[in-house]
Every structure is written in structure tokens, then in C-alpha cells.
Amino acid sequence: MDGMRTLKIVIAYDGARYHGWQRQLNGSSIQQVLEEAVGRITGRPATVVGSGRTDAGVHALAQVAHFRTESGLAEANLLKGINSVLPKDIAITDLREVPEGFHARFDAASKVYFYRIVNRSVRDVFEHGRAWFIHRPLAVEQMRQALPHFLGTHDFTSFCTVHCESRDRIRTVLDAALTGEAGDIIETSIEADGFLRYMVRTIMGVLVDVGLGKHPPEAVGEILQARDRCRAGMTAPARGLFLKEVRYGHV
């Protein structure tokens, strides 16, 4: 259609009040709020397509999405206008026109998530809603030793929800790192070519079990090979998970 532009946006949000990224019948979502804001500023209904879903309570530093519009407003004016009508827990940090064929989801090469744990005997009230509080000391070095077992290409059936919609559960973990020490804030970063639902949160559940001495680090390989969700144990709370970056090869 003549006059249509494709705009790529980068969004930061606190996911605590939302039922995830995708539009829901039973509650407010990030996608819905963005579409309503874009529609208000451009004067036309808009479909905002994200790089992927984030679940209820999960946060983002740099989620990526795109939408198409006939609006002739300059990029800077669109950015300012849309942000002016968004709630305070959602912000577009970048907006730019991209080639017509760009697709936020299908063009993504990899994503980076990180997970935050506050490992202290007394909870930190200022980290409420943004980290998993664990009062028992974690064996952080054991957790670090477990991380390399996730690297490479594996079937992650053991690390997704039992009702996972994806038939193909093969994913490639490109990088994984853990920083911090027991008695402090521990952050784990994971980059992969894609993620299954609850994959990062289940990985974190296993890492915490390793840190609590319930599994040796090498048990990760056995859990992967089992392809059985029951072997992986608990799912970490959503509040500690952040989408840090979506990487593209050409945009």
C-alpha cells in the first residue's frame, strides 16, 4: 500500500501489572497498551508485532517490535507522542523507520535474557518485584560450573512448560554467564537463538537447586537428556526475569 511505513521500536517495561506481552481476553497486556497508544497518536488502528512473547510478570529492557502506519509524522514526533500516552511502566526507547520487509520476530537472530536473585538473609524491599529473594546461601561456584552444560544445541523438553506449544524443542544456547556472590545480588545471563516458554525460568530453578546442593553441576546434562519436565524441578518466579536484548543480523 502506497504511503505505508514500517517502524521498528524498542520497548522497556516493568511487567508486574501485565498479563504478559500478548493480547489477552482476561487482562491487560503490553501489546494491547502499545497498540492503543500508537492508534491514538497516528489516528489509525495499529498492529504491533513483537519479537516474541514475555510471560506475565516478566520485564524487558529492550523488547523489539514493529508496526506499519500511513502516518507522516516524523520519527521524533511519533516517539514523543506515543510515550506521552503510555503508562509510566512502559516506554519506547527507540523508534526508527526500517525497510518494508523487516519483521521483529522472524528476523531476530538471538535473544538475551538475564535473571536476578537476591541472596541475602534479609529481603531487600527495594528489589521487590524485580528479583527472586532466596535467604539460604547459594553455592555460586557450583552454579557457575553447571552453566556450560547448557551451551550448544539441545532438546530443551525438560526445560519448558508441560503444555509447551512448540513441537520443535531444539534450541541453541550461544552464551551463558553468572556474576555475583552468595550474600549479594546474583545475575545470570543467557543468549540463545530462541527460547521455549518458561525455559529460562526452569533453567534458573535447576541452577538454584545446584546452588542449594540438591544436584551436582553435571546433573544438568542428565536432566537435558531425560527430556522430562518432571526431572527439572521448580520454575523460578517471573519477577526476576528480564529480556535484555534482541539481536538482528542486519537491522
C-alpha atoms as a PDB file:
ATOM      1  CA  MET A   1       0.000   0.000   0.000  1.00  0.00           C
ATOM      2  CA  ASP A   2       1.398   3.396  -1.037  1.00  0.00           C
ATOM      3  CA  GLY A   3       2.463   5.611   1.820  1.00  0.00           C
ATOM      4  CA  MET A   4       2.849   2.787   4.350  1.00  0.00           C
ATOM      5  CA  ARG A   5       5.955   2.818   6.523  1.00  0.00           C
ATOM      6  CA  THR A   6       7.428   0.076   8.690  1.00  0.00           C
ATOM      7  CA  LEU A   7       8.651   1.329  12.057  1.00  0.00           C
ATOM      8  CA  LYS A   8      10.868  -0.621  14.429  1.00  0.00           C
ATOM      9  CA  ILE A   9      10.503   0.183  18.117  1.00  0.00           C
ATOM     10  CA  VAL A  10      12.494  -0.802  21.199  1.00  0.00           C
ATOM     11  CA  ILE A  11      10.434  -1.005  24.388  1.00  0.00           C
ATOM     12  CA  ALA A  12      11.301  -1.122  28.079  1.00  0.00           C
ATOM     13  CA  TYR A  13       8.658  -2.226  30.552  1.00  0.00           C
ATOM     14  CA  ASP A  14       8.018  -3.336  34.084  1.00  0.00           C
ATOM     15  CA  GLY A  15       5.849  -6.396  33.586  1.00  0.00           C
ATOM     16  CA  ALA A  16       4.459  -6.601  37.127  1.00  0.00           C
ATOM     17  CA  ARG A  17       0.998  -5.212  36.281  1.00  0.00           C
ATOM     18  CA  TYR A  18       0.544  -7.025  32.972  1.00  0.00           C
ATOM     19  CA  HIS A  19      -0.594 -10.422  31.763  1.00  0.00           C
ATOM     20  CA  GLY A  20       2.439 -10.769  29.522  1.00  0.00           C
ATOM     21  CA  TRP A  21       3.230  -9.374  26.091  1.00  0.00           C
ATOM     22  CA  GLN A  22       0.428 -10.876  24.015  1.00  0.00           C
ATOM     23  CA  ARG A  23      -3.138  -9.566  23.950  1.00  0.00           C
ATOM     24  CA  GLN A  24      -5.341 -11.381  26.478  1.00  0.00           C
ATOM     25  CA  LEU A  25      -9.073 -11.689  26.986  1.00  0.00           C
ATOM     26  CA  ASN A  26      -8.717 -11.682  30.770  1.00  0.00           C
ATOM     27  CA  GLY A  27      -6.369  -8.773  31.435  1.00  0.00           C
ATOM     28  CA  SER A  28      -4.140  -6.001  30.189  1.00  0.00           C
ATOM     29  CA  SER A  29      -1.073  -6.836  28.094  1.00  0.00           C
ATOM     30  CA  ILE A  30       1.937  -4.888  26.843  1.00  0.00           C
ATOM     31  CA  GLN A  31       0.919  -5.406  23.213  1.00  0.00           C
ATOM     32  CA  GLN A  32      -2.593  -4.094  23.820  1.00  0.00           C
ATOM     33  CA  VAL A  33      -1.372  -0.967  25.615  1.00  0.00           C
ATOM     34  CA  LEU A  34       1.132  -0.218  22.831  1.00  0.00           C
ATOM     35  CA  GLU A  35      -1.427  -0.717  20.070  1.00  0.00           C
ATOM     36  CA  GLU A  36      -3.864   1.623  21.781  1.00  0.00           C
ATOM     37  CA  ALA A  37      -1.154   4.268  22.237  1.00  0.00           C
ATOM     38  CA  VAL A  38       0.031   4.037  18.622  1.00  0.00           C
ATOM     39  CA  GLY A  39      -3.577   4.257  17.431  1.00  0.00           C
ATOM     40  CA  ARG A  40      -4.197   7.391  19.478  1.00  0.00           C
ATOM     41  CA  ILE A  41      -1.190   9.212  18.021  1.00  0.00           C
ATOM     42  CA  THR A  42      -1.476   8.051  14.388  1.00  0.00           C
ATOM     43  CA  GLY A  43      -5.272   8.175  14.243  1.00  0.00           C
ATOM     44  CA  ARG A  44      -5.460   4.672  12.786  1.00  0.00           C
ATOM     45  CA  PRO A  45      -5.725   1.181  14.313  1.00  0.00           C
ATOM     46  CA  ALA A  46      -2.297  -0.456  14.588  1.00  0.00           C
ATOM     47  CA  THR A  47      -0.960  -3.976  14.989  1.00  0.00           C
ATOM     48  CA  VAL A  48       2.267  -4.096  16.986  1.00  0.00           C
ATOM     49  CA  VAL A  49       4.257  -7.275  16.296  1.00  0.00           C
ATOM     50  CA  GLY A  50       6.798  -8.248  18.944  1.00  0.00           C
ATOM     51  CA  SER A  51       9.985 -10.288  18.662  1.00  0.00           C
ATOM     52  CA  GLY A  52       8.306 -12.850  20.905  1.00  0.00           C
ATOM     53  CA  ARG A  53       6.183 -13.223  23.997  1.00  0.00           C
ATOM     54  CA  THR A  54       7.154 -12.476  27.543  1.00  0.00           C
ATOM     55  CA  ASP A  55       5.028 -14.060  30.269  1.00  0.00           C
ATOM     56  CA  ALA A  56       3.017 -12.332  32.968  1.00  0.00           C
ATOM     57  CA  GLY A  57       5.309 -10.510  35.392  1.00  0.00           C
ATOM     58  CA  VAL A  58       8.402 -10.665  33.169  1.00  0.00           C
ATOM     59  CA  HIS A  59      10.220  -7.381  32.462  1.00  0.00           C
ATOM     60  CA  ALA A  60      12.095  -6.042  29.435  1.00  0.00           C
ATOM     61  CA  LEU A  61      14.946  -3.617  28.968  1.00  0.00           C
ATOM     62  CA  ALA A  62      14.824  -3.807  25.177  1.00  0.00           C
ATOM     63  CA  GLN A  63      11.940  -5.740  23.668  1.00  0.00           C
ATOM     64  CA  VAL A  64      11.730  -5.155  19.903  1.00  0.00           C
ATOM     65  CA  ALA A  65       8.553  -4.786  17.844  1.00  0.00           C
ATOM     66  CA  HIS A  66       7.367  -3.277  14.582  1.00  0.00           C
ATOM     67  CA  PHE A  67       4.204  -1.746  13.198  1.00  0.00           C
ATOM     68  CA  ARG A  68       3.114  -0.339   9.864  1.00  0.00           C
ATOM     69  CA  THR A  69       1.482   3.046   9.506  1.00  0.00           C
ATOM     70  CA  GLU A  70       0.426   5.628   6.944  1.00  0.00           C
ATOM     71  CA  SER A  71       1.208   8.422   9.400  1.00  0.00           C
ATOM     72  CA  GLY A  72       3.529  11.077   8.042  1.00  0.00           C
ATOM     73  CA  LEU A  73       4.687  12.200  11.490  1.00  0.00           C
ATOM     74  CA  ALA A  74       8.457  12.427  11.886  1.00  0.00           C
ATOM     75  CA  GLU A  75      10.129   9.680  13.916  1.00  0.00           C
ATOM     76  CA  ALA A  76      10.994  12.035  16.784  1.00  0.00           C
ATOM     77  CA  ASN A  77       7.404  13.293  16.976  1.00  0.00           C
ATOM     78  CA  LEU A  78       5.987   9.776  16.905  1.00  0.00           C
ATOM     79  CA  LEU A  79       8.361   8.697  19.681  1.00  0.00           C
ATOM     80  CA  LYS A  80       7.466  11.682  21.843  1.00  0.00           C
ATOM     81  CA  GLY A  81       3.754  11.396  21.137  1.00  0.00           C
ATOM     82  CA  ILE A  82       3.395   7.675  21.813  1.00  0.00           C
ATOM     83  CA  ASN A  83       5.423   7.911  25.028  1.00  0.00           C
ATOM     84  CA  SER A  84       3.211  10.780  26.194  1.00  0.00           C
ATOM     85  CA  VAL A  85       0.154   8.483  26.279  1.00  0.00           C
ATOM     86  CA  LEU A  86       1.830   5.322  27.581  1.00  0.00           C
ATOM     87  CA  PRO A  87       1.623   4.416  31.290  1.00  0.00           C
ATOM     88  CA  LYS A  88       4.702   5.101  33.404  1.00  0.00           C
ATOM     89  CA  ASP A  89       5.777   1.449  33.443  1.00  0.00           C
ATOM     90  CA  ILE A  90       6.129   1.229  29.632  1.00  0.00           C
ATOM     91  CA  ALA A  91       8.413   3.360  27.450  1.00  0.00           C
ATOM     92  CA  ILE A  92       9.587   3.276  23.846  1.00  0.00           C
ATOM     93  CA  THR A  93      13.320   3.952  23.975  1.00  0.00           C
ATOM     94  CA  ASP A  94      13.925   3.985  20.212  1.00  0.00           C
ATOM     95  CA  LEU A  95      11.764   4.363  17.095  1.00  0.00           C
ATOM     96  CA  ARG A  96      13.029   4.327  13.536  1.00  0.00           C
ATOM     97  CA  GLU A  97      11.864   3.543  10.023  1.00  0.00           C
ATOM     98  CA  VAL A  98      13.199   0.286   8.587  1.00  0.00           C
ATOM     99  CA  PRO A  99      12.886  -1.481   5.223  1.00  0.00           C
ATOM    100  CA  GLU A 100       9.378  -2.703   4.409  1.00  0.00           C
ATOM    101  CA  GLY A 101      10.268  -6.382   4.780  1.00  0.00           C
ATOM    102  CA  PHE A 102      11.585  -6.132   8.341  1.00  0.00           C
ATOM    103  CA  HIS A 103       9.871  -8.466  10.816  1.00  0.00           C
ATOM    104  CA  ALA A 104      10.615  -8.160  14.534  1.00  0.00           C
ATOM    105  CA  ARG A 105      10.034 -11.837  15.205  1.00  0.00           C
ATOM    106  CA  PHE A 106      11.202 -13.675  12.090  1.00  0.00           C
ATOM    107  CA  ASP A 107      14.345 -11.577  11.555  1.00  0.00           C
ATOM    108  CA  ALA A 108      15.621 -11.983  15.131  1.00  0.00           C
ATOM    109  CA  ALA A 109      18.912 -13.902  15.239  1.00  0.00           C
ATOM    110  CA  SER A 110      19.103 -14.346  19.021  1.00  0.00           C
ATOM    111  CA  LYS A 111      17.789 -13.030  22.328  1.00  0.00           C
ATOM    112  CA  VAL A 112      19.492 -12.324  25.617  1.00  0.00           C
ATOM    113  CA  TYR A 113      17.696 -12.737  28.944  1.00  0.00           C
ATOM    114  CA  PHE A 114      19.046 -12.192  32.408  1.00  0.00           C
ATOM    115  CA  TYR A 115      17.722 -13.335  35.759  1.00  0.00           C
ATOM    116  CA  ARG A 116      18.275 -11.618  39.118  1.00  0.00           C
ATOM    117  CA  ILE A 117      18.479 -13.336  42.515  1.00  0.00           C
ATOM    118  CA  VAL A 118      18.856 -11.503  45.817  1.00  0.00           C
ATOM    119  CA  ASN A 119      20.713 -13.993  48.013  1.00  0.00           C
ATOM    120  CA  ARG A 120      20.591 -12.378  51.439  1.00  0.00           C
ATOM    121  CA  SER A 121      19.331 -13.359  54.863  1.00  0.00           C
ATOM    122  CA  VAL A 122      17.031 -10.315  54.949  1.00  0.00           C
ATOM    123  CA  ARG A 123      14.963  -9.360  51.928  1.00  0.00           C
ATOM    124  CA  ASP A 124      15.740  -6.119  50.126  1.00  0.00           C
ATOM    125  CA  VAL A 125      12.495  -4.130  49.943  1.00  0.00           C
ATOM    126  CA  PHE A 126      13.838  -2.054  47.049  1.00  0.00           C
ATOM    127  CA  GLU A 127      14.260  -5.197  44.942  1.00  0.00           C
ATOM    128  CA  HIS A 128      10.649  -6.262  45.481  1.00  0.00           C
ATOM    129  CA  GLY A 129       9.129  -7.336  42.168  1.00  0.00           C
ATOM    130  CA  ARG A 130      12.468  -7.312  40.338  1.00  0.00           C
ATOM    131  CA  ALA A 131      14.324 -10.305  41.768  1.00  0.00           C
ATOM    132  CA  TRP A 132      13.879 -13.724  43.373  1.00  0.00           C
ATOM    133  CA  PHE A 133      14.673 -13.499  47.085  1.00  0.00           C
ATOM    134  CA  ILE A 134      16.484 -16.579  48.430  1.00  0.00           C
ATOM    135  CA  HIS A 135      17.616 -16.386  52.048  1.00  0.00           C
ATOM    136  CA  ARG A 136      19.671 -19.608  52.151  1.00  0.00           C
ATOM    137  CA  PRO A 137      23.300 -19.121  50.977  1.00  0.00           C
ATOM    138  CA  LEU A 138      23.852 -20.403  47.450  1.00  0.00           C
ATOM    139  CA  ALA A 139      26.981 -22.236  46.306  1.00  0.00           C
ATOM    140  CA  VAL A 140      27.612 -19.803  43.463  1.00  0.00           C
ATOM    141  CA  GLU A 141      30.733 -21.547  42.149  1.00  0.00           C
ATOM    142  CA  GLN A 142      28.759 -24.781  41.760  1.00  0.00           C
ATOM    143  CA  MET A 143      26.108 -22.853  39.831  1.00  0.00           C
ATOM    144  CA  ARG A 144      28.812 -21.440  37.540  1.00  0.00           C
ATOM    145  CA  GLN A 145      30.117 -24.947  36.890  1.00  0.00           C
ATOM    146  CA  ALA A 146      26.630 -26.052  35.848  1.00  0.00           C
ATOM    147  CA  LEU A 147      26.154 -23.316  33.243  1.00  0.00           C
ATOM    148  CA  PRO A 148      28.448 -24.721  30.479  1.00  0.00           C
ATOM    149  CA  HIS A 149      26.275 -27.843  30.300  1.00  0.00           C
ATOM    150  CA  PHE A 150      23.541 -25.687  28.741  1.00  0.00           C
ATOM    151  CA  LEU A 151      25.775 -24.389  25.941  1.00  0.00           C
ATOM    152  CA  GLY A 152      25.275 -25.729  22.446  1.00  0.00           C
ATOM    153  CA  THR A 153      22.302 -27.306  20.692  1.00  0.00           C
ATOM    154  CA  HIS A 154      19.972 -29.448  22.798  1.00  0.00           C
ATOM    155  CA  ASP A 155      16.419 -30.680  23.093  1.00  0.00           C
ATOM    156  CA  PHE A 156      15.059 -28.500  25.915  1.00  0.00           C
ATOM    157  CA  THR A 157      11.882 -30.510  26.572  1.00  0.00           C
ATOM    158  CA  SER A 158      12.913 -30.827  30.238  1.00  0.00           C
ATOM    159  CA  PHE A 159      13.080 -27.038  30.465  1.00  0.00           C
ATOM    160  CA  CYS A 160       9.742 -25.895  29.077  1.00  0.00           C
ATOM    161  CA  THR A 161       6.193 -25.981  30.344  1.00  0.00           C
ATOM    162  CA  VAL A 162       4.416 -29.343  30.203  1.00  0.00           C
ATOM    163  CA  HIS A 163       1.871 -27.782  27.838  1.00  0.00           C
ATOM    164  CA  CYS A 164       4.527 -26.253  25.563  1.00  0.00           C
ATOM    165  CA  GLU A 165       3.021 -25.328  22.184  1.00  0.00           C
ATOM    166  CA  SER A 166       6.298 -25.757  20.273  1.00  0.00           C
ATOM    167  CA  ARG A 167       6.743 -29.131  18.641  1.00  0.00           C
ATOM    168  CA  ASP A 168      10.363 -28.317  17.833  1.00  0.00           C
ATOM    169  CA  ARG A 169      12.109 -28.013  21.177  1.00  0.00           C
ATOM    170  CA  ILE A 170      15.637 -27.885  19.836  1.00  0.00           C
ATOM    171  CA  ARG A 171      17.379 -24.648  20.791  1.00  0.00           C
ATOM    172  CA  THR A 172      20.989 -23.447  20.684  1.00  0.00           C
ATOM    173  CA  VAL A 173      22.379 -21.645  23.725  1.00  0.00           C
ATOM    174  CA  LEU A 174      25.134 -19.354  22.470  1.00  0.00           C
ATOM    175  CA  ASP A 175      26.387 -17.877  25.738  1.00  0.00           C
ATOM    176  CA  ALA A 176      25.743 -18.136  29.473  1.00  0.00           C
ATOM    177  CA  ALA A 177      27.358 -16.310  32.360  1.00  0.00           C
ATOM    178  CA  LEU A 178      26.790 -15.804  36.075  1.00  0.00           C
ATOM    179  CA  THR A 179      28.019 -12.830  38.105  1.00  0.00           C
ATOM    180  CA  GLY A 180      27.785 -12.042  41.807  1.00  0.00           C
ATOM    181  CA  GLU A 181      28.397 -13.951  45.002  1.00  0.00           C
ATOM    182  CA  ALA A 182      26.414 -15.544  47.836  1.00  0.00           C
ATOM    183  CA  GLY A 183      25.076 -12.896  50.180  1.00  0.00           C
ATOM    184  CA  ASP A 184      24.631 -10.449  47.319  1.00  0.00           C
ATOM    185  CA  ILE A 185      22.792  -9.988  44.014  1.00  0.00           C
ATOM    186  CA  ILE A 186      23.408 -12.835  41.563  1.00  0.00           C
ATOM    187  CA  GLU A 187      22.709 -12.260  37.870  1.00  0.00           C
ATOM    188  CA  THR A 188      22.621 -14.973  35.223  1.00  0.00           C
ATOM    189  CA  SER A 189      22.676 -14.040  31.531  1.00  0.00           C
ATOM    190  CA  ILE A 190      21.673 -16.467  28.761  1.00  0.00           C
ATOM    191  CA  GLU A 191      21.754 -15.899  24.996  1.00  0.00           C
ATOM    192  CA  ALA A 192      20.077 -18.355  22.623  1.00  0.00           C
ATOM    193  CA  ASP A 193      18.700 -18.479  19.098  1.00  0.00           C
ATOM    194  CA  GLY A 194      15.258 -18.884  20.659  1.00  0.00           C
ATOM    195  CA  PHE A 195      13.551 -19.779  23.919  1.00  0.00           C
ATOM    196  CA  LEU A 196      10.705 -22.092  24.842  1.00  0.00           C
ATOM    197  CA  ARG A 197       8.036 -20.963  27.271  1.00  0.00           C
ATOM    198  CA  TYR A 198       9.428 -20.975  30.854  1.00  0.00           C
ATOM    199  CA  MET A 199      12.814 -22.145  29.538  1.00  0.00           C
ATOM    200  CA  VAL A 200      14.932 -19.531  31.309  1.00  0.00           C
ATOM    201  CA  ARG A 201      12.883 -19.757  34.496  1.00  0.00           C
ATOM    202  CA  THR A 202      13.250 -23.550  34.565  1.00  0.00           C
ATOM    203  CA  ILE A 203      16.987 -23.282  33.925  1.00  0.00           C
ATOM    204  CA  MET A 204      17.158 -20.931  36.909  1.00  0.00           C
ATOM    205  CA  GLY A 205      15.202 -23.380  39.042  1.00  0.00           C
ATOM    206  CA  VAL A 206      17.777 -26.076  38.273  1.00  0.00           C
ATOM    207  CA  LEU A 207      20.694 -23.706  38.909  1.00  0.00           C
ATOM    208  CA  VAL A 208      19.261 -22.786  42.307  1.00  0.00           C
ATOM    209  CA  ASP A 209      18.851 -26.480  43.140  1.00  0.00           C
ATOM    210  CA  VAL A 210      22.538 -26.895  42.273  1.00  0.00           C
ATOM    211  CA  GLY A 211      23.350 -23.909  44.479  1.00  0.00           C
ATOM    212  CA  LEU A 212      21.403 -25.457  47.359  1.00  0.00           C
ATOM    213  CA  GLY A 213      23.236 -28.772  46.974  1.00  0.00           C
ATOM    214  CA  LYS A 214      20.268 -30.738  45.634  1.00  0.00           C
ATOM    215  CA  HIS A 215      22.091 -31.565  42.364  1.00  0.00           C
ATOM    216  CA  PRO A 216      25.756 -31.675  41.326  1.00  0.00           C
ATOM    217  CA  PRO A 217      26.616 -29.403  38.363  1.00  0.00           C
ATOM    218  CA  GLU A 218      26.894 -32.352  35.966  1.00  0.00           C
ATOM    219  CA  ALA A 219      23.260 -33.296  36.638  1.00  0.00           C
ATOM    220  CA  VAL A 220      22.269 -30.656  34.080  1.00  0.00           C
ATOM    221  CA  GLY A 221      23.363 -32.946  31.256  1.00  0.00           C
ATOM    222  CA  GLU A 222      21.303 -35.812  32.668  1.00  0.00           C
ATOM    223  CA  ILE A 223      18.219 -33.583  33.003  1.00  0.00           C
ATOM    224  CA  LEU A 224      18.599 -32.422  29.391  1.00  0.00           C
ATOM    225  CA  GLN A 225      18.931 -35.983  28.124  1.00  0.00           C
ATOM    226  CA  ALA A 226      15.865 -37.128  30.085  1.00  0.00           C
ATOM    227  CA  ARG A 227      13.539 -34.847  28.053  1.00  0.00           C
ATOM    228  CA  ASP A 228      11.172 -34.956  31.001  1.00  0.00           C
ATOM    229  CA  ARG A 229       9.868 -31.760  32.623  1.00  0.00           C
ATOM    230  CA  CYS A 230       9.464 -33.537  35.964  1.00  0.00           C
ATOM    231  CA  ARG A 231      13.237 -34.024  36.195  1.00  0.00           C
ATOM    232  CA  ALA A 232      13.938 -30.284  36.190  1.00  0.00           C
ATOM    233  CA  GLY A 233      12.035 -29.338  39.321  1.00  0.00           C
ATOM    234  CA  MET A 234      10.787 -25.853  40.165  1.00  0.00           C
ATOM    235  CA  THR A 235      10.156 -22.908  37.875  1.00  0.00           C
ATOM    236  CA  ALA A 236      11.736 -19.663  39.089  1.00  0.00           C
ATOM    237  CA  PRO A 237       9.340 -16.737  39.686  1.00  0.00           C
ATOM    238  CA  ALA A 238       8.667 -14.416  36.750  1.00  0.00           C
ATOM    239  CA  ARG A 239       9.635 -11.268  38.682  1.00  0.00           C
ATOM    240  CA  GLY A 240      13.392 -11.907  38.390  1.00  0.00           C
ATOM    241  CA  LEU A 241      13.421 -12.304  34.600  1.00  0.00           C
ATOM    242  CA  PHE A 242      14.338  -9.542  32.137  1.00  0.00           C
ATOM    243  CA  LEU A 243      14.535  -9.561  28.344  1.00  0.00           C
ATOM    244  CA  LYS A 244      17.808  -7.686  27.885  1.00  0.00           C
ATOM    245  CA  GLU A 245      18.329  -7.593  24.124  1.00  0.00           C
ATOM    246  CA  VAL A 246      17.068  -8.892  20.784  1.00  0.00           C
ATOM    247  CA  ARG A 247      19.840  -9.213  18.228  1.00  0.00           C
ATOM    248  CA  TYR A 248      19.486  -8.866  14.467  1.00  0.00           C
ATOM    249  CA  GLY A 249      21.979  -9.560  11.746  1.00  0.00           C
ATOM    250  CA  HIS A 250      21.149  -6.609   9.518  1.00  0.00           C
ATOM    251  CA  VAL A 251      18.856  -4.011  11.161  1.00  0.00           C
END
